[in-house]
Protein backbone atom coordinates (compact mmCIF):
# COMPACT_ATOMS: atom_id res chain seq x y z
CA MET A 1 0.00 0.00 0.00
CA ASP A 2 1.27 3.42 -0.92
CA PHE A 3 0.03 5.52 2.00
CA LYS A 4 0.23 9.29 1.88
CA TYR A 5 0.61 11.31 5.05
CA GLU A 6 -0.70 14.67 6.18
CA LYS A 7 -0.67 16.20 9.65
CA ASP A 8 -3.94 14.57 10.72
CA ARG A 9 -4.61 12.07 7.95
CA ILE A 10 -3.23 8.89 6.36
CA TYR A 11 -4.76 8.03 2.99
CA ILE A 12 -4.53 6.31 -0.38
CA GLU A 13 -5.28 7.90 -3.75
CA ASN A 14 -6.16 6.21 -7.01
CA GLU A 15 -4.44 7.04 -10.29
CA LYS A 16 -6.79 10.02 -10.75
CA GLY A 17 -5.73 11.53 -7.42
CA GLU A 18 -9.04 10.69 -5.73
CA CYS A 19 -9.05 9.53 -2.12
CA ILE A 20 -10.03 5.86 -1.97
CA ALA A 21 -9.17 5.15 1.68
CA GLU A 22 -8.32 7.23 4.72
CA VAL A 23 -8.16 7.57 8.45
CA THR A 24 -8.37 11.05 9.98
CA PHE A 25 -7.16 11.96 13.45
CA PRO A 26 -7.23 15.65 14.41
CA GLU A 27 -5.16 16.66 17.41
CA VAL A 28 -7.19 17.32 20.58
CA SER A 29 -4.26 18.25 22.83
CA GLU A 30 -0.49 18.37 22.63
CA ASN A 31 -0.01 14.58 22.66
CA LYS A 32 -3.50 13.26 21.91
CA VAL A 33 -5.49 12.74 18.72
CA ASN A 34 -9.10 11.79 18.07
CA ILE A 35 -9.50 9.08 15.44
CA ASN A 36 -12.76 10.39 14.04
CA HIS A 37 -13.14 8.84 10.59
CA THR A 38 -12.15 5.73 8.67
CA TYR A 39 -13.16 5.28 5.04
CA VAL A 40 -12.45 2.61 2.43
CA ASP A 41 -13.89 2.78 -1.08
CA ARG A 42 -15.75 -0.25 -2.45
CA CYS A 43 -12.91 -1.03 -4.84
CA LEU A 44 -10.68 -1.86 -1.83
CA ARG A 45 -13.15 -3.37 0.61
CA GLY A 46 -12.45 -6.86 1.90
CA GLN A 47 -8.70 -6.44 1.45
CA GLY A 48 -7.84 -5.39 5.01
CA VAL A 49 -7.12 -1.79 4.04
CA ALA A 50 -8.83 -0.23 7.08
CA ASP A 51 -6.87 -2.57 9.34
CA LYS A 52 -3.61 -1.52 7.64
CA LEU A 53 -4.50 2.16 8.02
CA LEU A 54 -5.18 1.74 11.76
CA THR A 55 -2.08 -0.39 12.28
CA THR A 56 0.06 2.25 10.57
CA LEU A 57 -1.51 5.01 12.65
CA ALA A 58 -1.12 3.08 15.93
CA GLN A 59 2.55 2.39 15.17
CA ASP A 60 3.15 6.06 14.36
CA LEU A 61 1.42 7.14 17.58
CA LYS A 62 3.50 4.71 19.60
CA LYS A 63 6.73 5.85 17.95
CA ASN A 64 5.88 9.50 18.67
CA ASN A 65 4.66 8.92 22.25
CA LYS A 66 1.13 10.07 21.44
CA GLN A 67 -2.22 8.82 22.67
CA ALA A 68 -5.51 8.34 20.86
CA VAL A 69 -9.17 8.51 21.67
CA ALA A 70 -11.70 7.39 19.09
CA SER A 71 -15.06 8.71 18.02
CA CYS A 72 -15.02 6.50 14.92
CA SER A 73 -16.83 3.21 15.62
CA TYR A 74 -14.43 1.23 13.42
CA ALA A 75 -11.44 2.54 15.38
CA VAL A 76 -13.10 1.72 18.72
CA ASP A 77 -13.71 -1.86 17.55
CA TRP A 78 -10.21 -2.11 16.07
CA PHE A 79 -8.51 -1.15 19.34
CA GLU A 80 -10.65 -3.68 21.24
CA LYS A 81 -9.31 -6.39 18.92
CA HIS A 82 -5.68 -5.20 19.13
CA PRO A 83 -4.63 -5.12 22.79
CA GLU A 84 -1.01 -4.81 21.71
CA TYR A 85 -1.78 -1.10 21.14
CA LYS A 86 -3.58 -0.48 24.43
CA ASP A 87 -0.73 1.82 25.47
CA VAL A 88 -1.70 4.33 22.78
CA TYR A 89 -5.48 4.10 23.18
CA LYS A 90 -7.11 5.77 26.16
């Protein structure tokens, strides 16, 4: 997967430059983000793309000593299934 990174977003674009998958996580305090949106286009569904987006984000948060809260239901469920990242999810 060729992820692109912005300050509060990790995403994938198709060959036309259109977003076809993303996770957004605006900062809520100095070391905390809110994972508020996960999206995967139909052309990528069933391929584990959302899981890869969240794994990438969780690893980046861990590396940068940041914490996450989640208002996105997918992210809440994902963290429940991945206790190895409980140190970044509060």
